Amino acid sequence: KYWTCCLKQEIKEIWQRIIVDFIEVCQDQEVATIVFDSATLLWNICHNGHLQELQEKQLTQHNAKKLSIKFDEDDYREKLQPIEYGPANDRMRSVLHTARSFQKNLVLVHYPTDEYGPYTDDKGRTIEAKTGKKILDGFKETPKLSDLVVWTSIKEFRTGKTAIKSPV
């Protein structure tokens, strides 16, 4: 079963539809493996859905004050604070645990991203900079909640004028 979302919906509603479909597939006895390609996008939908909930709450609180001032859309929150990722993290953990509880193989395809860490610049200041290492882009707890993590990449090899792409 393949599922694609309609981007006419809001992010929160897309997340809810993904979860409804995910549970349906988990309950299907003929399904052994579920693949999210990409789980990087799944994570973005998850935490941005939570952000949308907070924005809706913000608008509701503004309207409850019965101010004659129209809500300025530029005042919407643009991102979650680090402490506010808890509900989104819980939702992602639930996805992984749900697949396990239904004894389904769950394959999460993540894009790589650069790892950042402390680096001392030429003036002796400690700054955040690329470490040269790649990490998964998405829900950071995925490796510790997974049974197996496989890193793949495609390299191009040249033999004369011919370029051959091969997985490594």
C-alpha atoms as a PDB file:
ATOM      1  CA  LYS A   1       0.000   0.000   0.000  1.00  0.00           C
ATOM      2  CA  TYR A   2       1.390   3.362  -0.959  1.00  0.00           C
ATOM      3  CA  TRP A   3       0.267   6.625   0.599  1.00  0.00           C
ATOM      4  CA  THR A   4       0.866  10.139  -0.576  1.00  0.00           C
ATOM      5  CA  CYS A   5      -0.401  13.247   1.121  1.00  0.00           C
ATOM      6  CA  CYS A   6      -2.294  16.145  -0.299  1.00  0.00           C
ATOM      7  CA  LEU A   7      -0.503  19.363   0.608  1.00  0.00           C
ATOM      8  CA  LYS A   8      -3.794  21.275   0.657  1.00  0.00           C
ATOM      9  CA  GLN A   9      -4.134  20.059   4.240  1.00  0.00           C
ATOM     10  CA  GLU A  10      -2.410  21.650   7.184  1.00  0.00           C
ATOM     11  CA  ILE A  11       0.649  19.893   8.610  1.00  0.00           C
ATOM     12  CA  LYS A  12      -1.166  18.740  11.771  1.00  0.00           C
ATOM     13  CA  GLU A  13      -3.867  17.102   9.651  1.00  0.00           C
ATOM     14  CA  ILE A  14      -1.251  15.449   7.440  1.00  0.00           C
ATOM     15  CA  TRP A  15       0.405  13.988  10.566  1.00  0.00           C
ATOM     16  CA  GLN A  16      -2.956  12.721  11.808  1.00  0.00           C
ATOM     17  CA  ARG A  17      -3.689  11.091   8.432  1.00  0.00           C
ATOM     18  CA  ILE A  18      -0.265   9.424   8.404  1.00  0.00           C
ATOM     19  CA  ILE A  19      -0.909   7.953  11.864  1.00  0.00           C
ATOM     20  CA  VAL A  20      -4.405   6.715  10.957  1.00  0.00           C
ATOM     21  CA  ASP A  21      -3.006   5.007   7.839  1.00  0.00           C
ATOM     22  CA  PHE A  22       0.006   3.693   9.775  1.00  0.00           C
ATOM     23  CA  ILE A  23      -2.214   2.009  12.388  1.00  0.00           C
ATOM     24  CA  GLU A  24      -4.366   0.534   9.627  1.00  0.00           C
ATOM     25  CA  VAL A  25      -1.294  -0.941   7.936  1.00  0.00           C
ATOM     26  CA  CYS A  26       0.054  -2.231  11.269  1.00  0.00           C
ATOM     27  CA  GLN A  27      -3.216  -4.110  11.796  1.00  0.00           C
ATOM     28  CA  ASP A  28      -3.073  -5.698   8.318  1.00  0.00           C
ATOM     29  CA  GLN A  29      -1.945  -9.327   8.746  1.00  0.00           C
ATOM     30  CA  GLU A  30      -0.601  -9.451   5.165  1.00  0.00           C
ATOM     31  CA  VAL A  31       1.856  -6.584   5.763  1.00  0.00           C
ATOM     32  CA  ALA A  32       5.255  -7.600   7.131  1.00  0.00           C
ATOM     33  CA  THR A  33       7.279  -4.453   6.442  1.00  0.00           C
ATOM     34  CA  ILE A  34       6.417  -0.764   6.581  1.00  0.00           C
ATOM     35  CA  VAL A  35       8.711   1.814   4.958  1.00  0.00           C
ATOM     36  CA  PHE A  36       8.771   5.560   5.590  1.00  0.00           C
ATOM     37  CA  ASP A  37      10.706   7.201   2.773  1.00  0.00           C
ATOM     38  CA  SER A  38      11.685   9.574   4.071  1.00  0.00           C
ATOM     39  CA  ALA A  39      11.634   9.483   7.851  1.00  0.00           C
ATOM     40  CA  THR A  40      13.407  12.843   7.705  1.00  0.00           C
ATOM     41  CA  LEU A  41      10.213  14.291   6.234  1.00  0.00           C
ATOM     42  CA  LEU A  42       8.111  12.289   8.729  1.00  0.00           C
ATOM     43  CA  TRP A  43      10.013  13.970  11.592  1.00  0.00           C
ATOM     44  CA  ASN A  44       9.512  17.412  10.025  1.00  0.00           C
ATOM     45  CA  ILE A  45       5.767  16.778   9.690  1.00  0.00           C
ATOM     46  CA  CYS A  46       5.646  15.511  13.279  1.00  0.00           C
ATOM     47  CA  HIS A  47       7.294  18.471  14.990  1.00  0.00           C
ATOM     48  CA  ASN A  48       5.788  21.062  12.649  1.00  0.00           C
ATOM     49  CA  GLY A  49       2.363  19.571  13.383  1.00  0.00           C
ATOM     50  CA  HIS A  50       3.020  20.213  17.059  1.00  0.00           C
ATOM     51  CA  LEU A  51       4.120  23.761  16.204  1.00  0.00           C
ATOM     52  CA  GLN A  52       0.834  24.236  14.331  1.00  0.00           C
ATOM     53  CA  GLU A  53      -1.060  23.144  17.468  1.00  0.00           C
ATOM     54  CA  LEU A  54       0.804  25.779  19.499  1.00  0.00           C
ATOM     55  CA  GLN A  55       0.065  28.418  16.851  1.00  0.00           C
ATOM     56  CA  GLU A  56      -3.631  27.514  16.929  1.00  0.00           C
ATOM     57  CA  LYS A  57      -3.561  27.812  20.726  1.00  0.00           C
ATOM     58  CA  GLN A  58      -1.858  31.204  20.363  1.00  0.00           C
ATOM     59  CA  LEU A  59      -4.634  32.402  18.035  1.00  0.00           C
ATOM     60  CA  THR A  60      -7.354  31.023  20.331  1.00  0.00           C
ATOM     61  CA  GLN A  61      -5.841  32.836  23.320  1.00  0.00           C
ATOM     62  CA  HIS A  62      -5.685  36.090  21.333  1.00  0.00           C
ATOM     63  CA  ASN A  63      -9.331  35.744  20.264  1.00  0.00           C
ATOM     64  CA  ALA A  64     -10.406  34.884  23.837  1.00  0.00           C
ATOM     65  CA  LYS A  65      -9.160  38.276  24.976  1.00  0.00           C
ATOM     66  CA  LYS A  66     -11.782  39.805  22.648  1.00  0.00           C
ATOM     67  CA  LEU A  67      -9.426  42.512  21.537  1.00  0.00           C
ATOM     68  CA  SER A  68     -10.505  44.766  18.709  1.00  0.00           C
ATOM     69  CA  ILE A  69      -6.999  44.360  17.305  1.00  0.00           C
ATOM     70  CA  LYS A  70      -6.811  41.790  14.532  1.00  0.00           C
ATOM     71  CA  PHE A  71      -4.216  39.057  15.105  1.00  0.00           C
ATOM     72  CA  ASP A  72      -1.059  39.879  13.146  1.00  0.00           C
ATOM     73  CA  GLU A  73       0.059  36.740  11.299  1.00  0.00           C
ATOM     74  CA  ASP A  74       3.662  37.945  11.620  1.00  0.00           C
ATOM     75  CA  ASP A  75       3.295  37.275  15.362  1.00  0.00           C
ATOM     76  CA  TYR A  76       2.873  33.525  14.863  1.00  0.00           C
ATOM     77  CA  ARG A  77       5.594  31.455  16.442  1.00  0.00           C
ATOM     78  CA  GLU A  78       8.026  30.235  13.802  1.00  0.00           C
ATOM     79  CA  LYS A  79       9.691  27.333  15.591  1.00  0.00           C
ATOM     80  CA  LEU A  80       9.611  25.207  18.695  1.00  0.00           C
ATOM     81  CA  GLN A  81      11.785  25.983  21.689  1.00  0.00           C
ATOM     82  CA  PRO A  82      14.092  23.050  22.646  1.00  0.00           C
ATOM     83  CA  ILE A  83      11.951  22.235  25.710  1.00  0.00           C
ATOM     84  CA  GLU A  84       8.830  22.000  23.513  1.00  0.00           C
ATOM     85  CA  TYR A  85      10.048  19.037  21.448  1.00  0.00           C
ATOM     86  CA  GLY A  86       8.800  16.588  24.119  1.00  0.00           C
ATOM     87  CA  PRO A  87       5.380  15.876  22.548  1.00  0.00           C
ATOM     88  CA  ALA A  88       6.886  15.462  19.065  1.00  0.00           C
ATOM     89  CA  ASN A  89       9.572  13.124  20.456  1.00  0.00           C
ATOM     90  CA  ASP A  90       6.859  11.095  22.215  1.00  0.00           C
ATOM     91  CA  ARG A  91       4.902  10.802  18.963  1.00  0.00           C
ATOM     92  CA  MET A  92       7.928   9.536  17.054  1.00  0.00           C
ATOM     93  CA  ARG A  93       8.790   7.050  19.814  1.00  0.00           C
ATOM     94  CA  SER A  94       5.196   5.814  19.601  1.00  0.00           C
ATOM     95  CA  VAL A  95       5.554   5.159  15.867  1.00  0.00           C
ATOM     96  CA  LEU A  96       8.611   2.974  16.446  1.00  0.00           C
ATOM     97  CA  HIS A  97       7.094   1.182  19.440  1.00  0.00           C
ATOM     98  CA  THR A  98       3.776   0.626  17.652  1.00  0.00           C
ATOM     99  CA  ALA A  99       5.459  -1.123  14.722  1.00  0.00           C
ATOM    100  CA  ARG A 100       7.357  -3.307  17.188  1.00  0.00           C
ATOM    101  CA  SER A 101       4.206  -4.134  19.164  1.00  0.00           C
ATOM    102  CA  PHE A 102       2.520  -5.321  15.945  1.00  0.00           C
ATOM    103  CA  GLN A 103       5.683  -7.290  15.064  1.00  0.00           C
ATOM    104  CA  LYS A 104       6.215  -5.341  11.841  1.00  0.00           C
ATOM    105  CA  ASN A 105       9.537  -4.593  10.240  1.00  0.00           C
ATOM    106  CA  LEU A 106       9.877  -0.822  10.151  1.00  0.00           C
ATOM    107  CA  VAL A 107      12.298   0.719   7.675  1.00  0.00           C
ATOM    108  CA  LEU A 108      13.028   4.416   8.160  1.00  0.00           C
ATOM    109  CA  VAL A 109      14.962   6.067   5.341  1.00  0.00           C
ATOM    110  CA  HIS A 110      16.745   9.200   6.539  1.00  0.00           C
ATOM    111  CA  TYR A 111      18.745  11.769   4.644  1.00  0.00           C
ATOM    112  CA  PRO A 112      22.212  12.496   6.011  1.00  0.00           C
ATOM    113  CA  THR A 113      23.184  15.864   7.425  1.00  0.00           C
ATOM    114  CA  ASP A 114      26.383  17.369   8.777  1.00  0.00           C
ATOM    115  CA  GLU A 115      27.178  16.884  12.445  1.00  0.00           C
ATOM    116  CA  TYR A 116      28.079  20.043  14.331  1.00  0.00           C
ATOM    117  CA  GLY A 117      30.258  20.183  17.400  1.00  0.00           C
ATOM    118  CA  PRO A 118      32.580  22.472  19.358  1.00  0.00           C
ATOM    119  CA  TYR A 119      35.527  23.842  17.416  1.00  0.00           C
ATOM    120  CA  THR A 120      38.219  26.279  18.502  1.00  0.00           C
ATOM    121  CA  ASP A 121      38.752  28.954  15.869  1.00  0.00           C
ATOM    122  CA  ASP A 122      42.035  30.776  15.157  1.00  0.00           C
ATOM    123  CA  LYS A 123      41.204  33.399  17.810  1.00  0.00           C
ATOM    124  CA  GLY A 124      40.800  30.771  20.550  1.00  0.00           C
ATOM    125  CA  ARG A 125      37.006  31.025  20.684  1.00  0.00           C
ATOM    126  CA  THR A 126      34.895  27.904  20.902  1.00  0.00           C
ATOM    127  CA  ILE A 127      32.239  27.888  18.200  1.00  0.00           C
ATOM    128  CA  GLU A 128      29.868  25.339  16.666  1.00  0.00           C
ATOM    129  CA  ALA A 129      31.225  24.013  13.370  1.00  0.00           C
ATOM    130  CA  LYS A 130      30.950  20.993  11.088  1.00  0.00           C
ATOM    131  CA  THR A 131      32.857  17.999  12.451  1.00  0.00           C
ATOM    132  CA  GLY A 132      33.212  16.314   9.056  1.00  0.00           C
ATOM    133  CA  LYS A 133      30.963  13.471  10.194  1.00  0.00           C
ATOM    134  CA  LYS A 134      27.493  12.729   8.793  1.00  0.00           C
ATOM    135  CA  ILE A 135      24.527  11.904  11.018  1.00  0.00           C
ATOM    136  CA  LEU A 136      20.922  11.120  10.202  1.00  0.00           C
ATOM    137  CA  ASP A 137      18.690  14.099   9.566  1.00  0.00           C
ATOM    138  CA  GLY A 138      15.490  13.605  11.504  1.00  0.00           C
ATOM    139  CA  PHE A 139      14.447  12.138  14.828  1.00  0.00           C
ATOM    140  CA  LYS A 140      17.734  11.835  16.723  1.00  0.00           C
ATOM    141  CA  GLU A 141      16.617   8.870  18.880  1.00  0.00           C
ATOM    142  CA  THR A 142      16.106   6.640  15.831  1.00  0.00           C
ATOM    143  CA  PRO A 143      19.497   4.852  16.103  1.00  0.00           C
ATOM    144  CA  LYS A 144      19.064   3.934  19.771  1.00  0.00           C
ATOM    145  CA  LEU A 145      15.491   2.697  19.184  1.00  0.00           C
ATOM    146  CA  SER A 146      16.452   0.640  16.116  1.00  0.00           C
ATOM    147  CA  ASP A 147      17.605  -2.948  15.849  1.00  0.00           C
ATOM    148  CA  LEU A 148      19.797  -2.217  12.857  1.00  0.00           C
ATOM    149  CA  VAL A 149      21.223   0.933  11.282  1.00  0.00           C
ATOM    150  CA  VAL A 150      22.610   0.719   7.749  1.00  0.00           C
ATOM    151  CA  TRP A 151      24.484   3.573   6.092  1.00  0.00           C
ATOM    152  CA  THR A 152      24.529   3.458   2.302  1.00  0.00           C
ATOM    153  CA  SER A 153      25.812   5.819  -0.324  1.00  0.00           C
ATOM    154  CA  ILE A 154      26.341   5.951  -4.059  1.00  0.00           C
ATOM    155  CA  LYS A 155      29.790   6.570  -5.457  1.00  0.00           C
ATOM    156  CA  GLU A 156      30.687   7.264  -9.027  1.00  0.00           C
ATOM    157  CA  PHE A 157      33.552   5.289 -10.535  1.00  0.00           C
ATOM    158  CA  ARG A 158      35.182   6.187 -13.835  1.00  0.00           C
ATOM    159  CA  THR A 159      36.480   3.644 -16.297  1.00  0.00           C
ATOM    160  CA  GLY A 160      37.801   5.636 -19.189  1.00  0.00           C
ATOM    161  CA  LYS A 161      34.978   7.853 -20.438  1.00  0.00           C
ATOM    162  CA  THR A 162      32.265   5.802 -18.725  1.00  0.00           C
ATOM    163  CA  ALA A 163      30.914   6.769 -15.329  1.00  0.00           C
ATOM    164  CA  ILE A 164      29.378   3.971 -13.276  1.00  0.00           C
ATOM    165  CA  LYS A 165      27.366   4.666 -10.143  1.00  0.00           C
ATOM    166  CA  SER A 166      27.466   1.957  -7.545  1.00  0.00           C
ATOM    167  CA  PRO A 167      26.220   1.580  -3.975  1.00  0.00           C
ATOM    168  CA  VAL A 168      28.862   1.322  -1.261  1.00  0.00           C
END
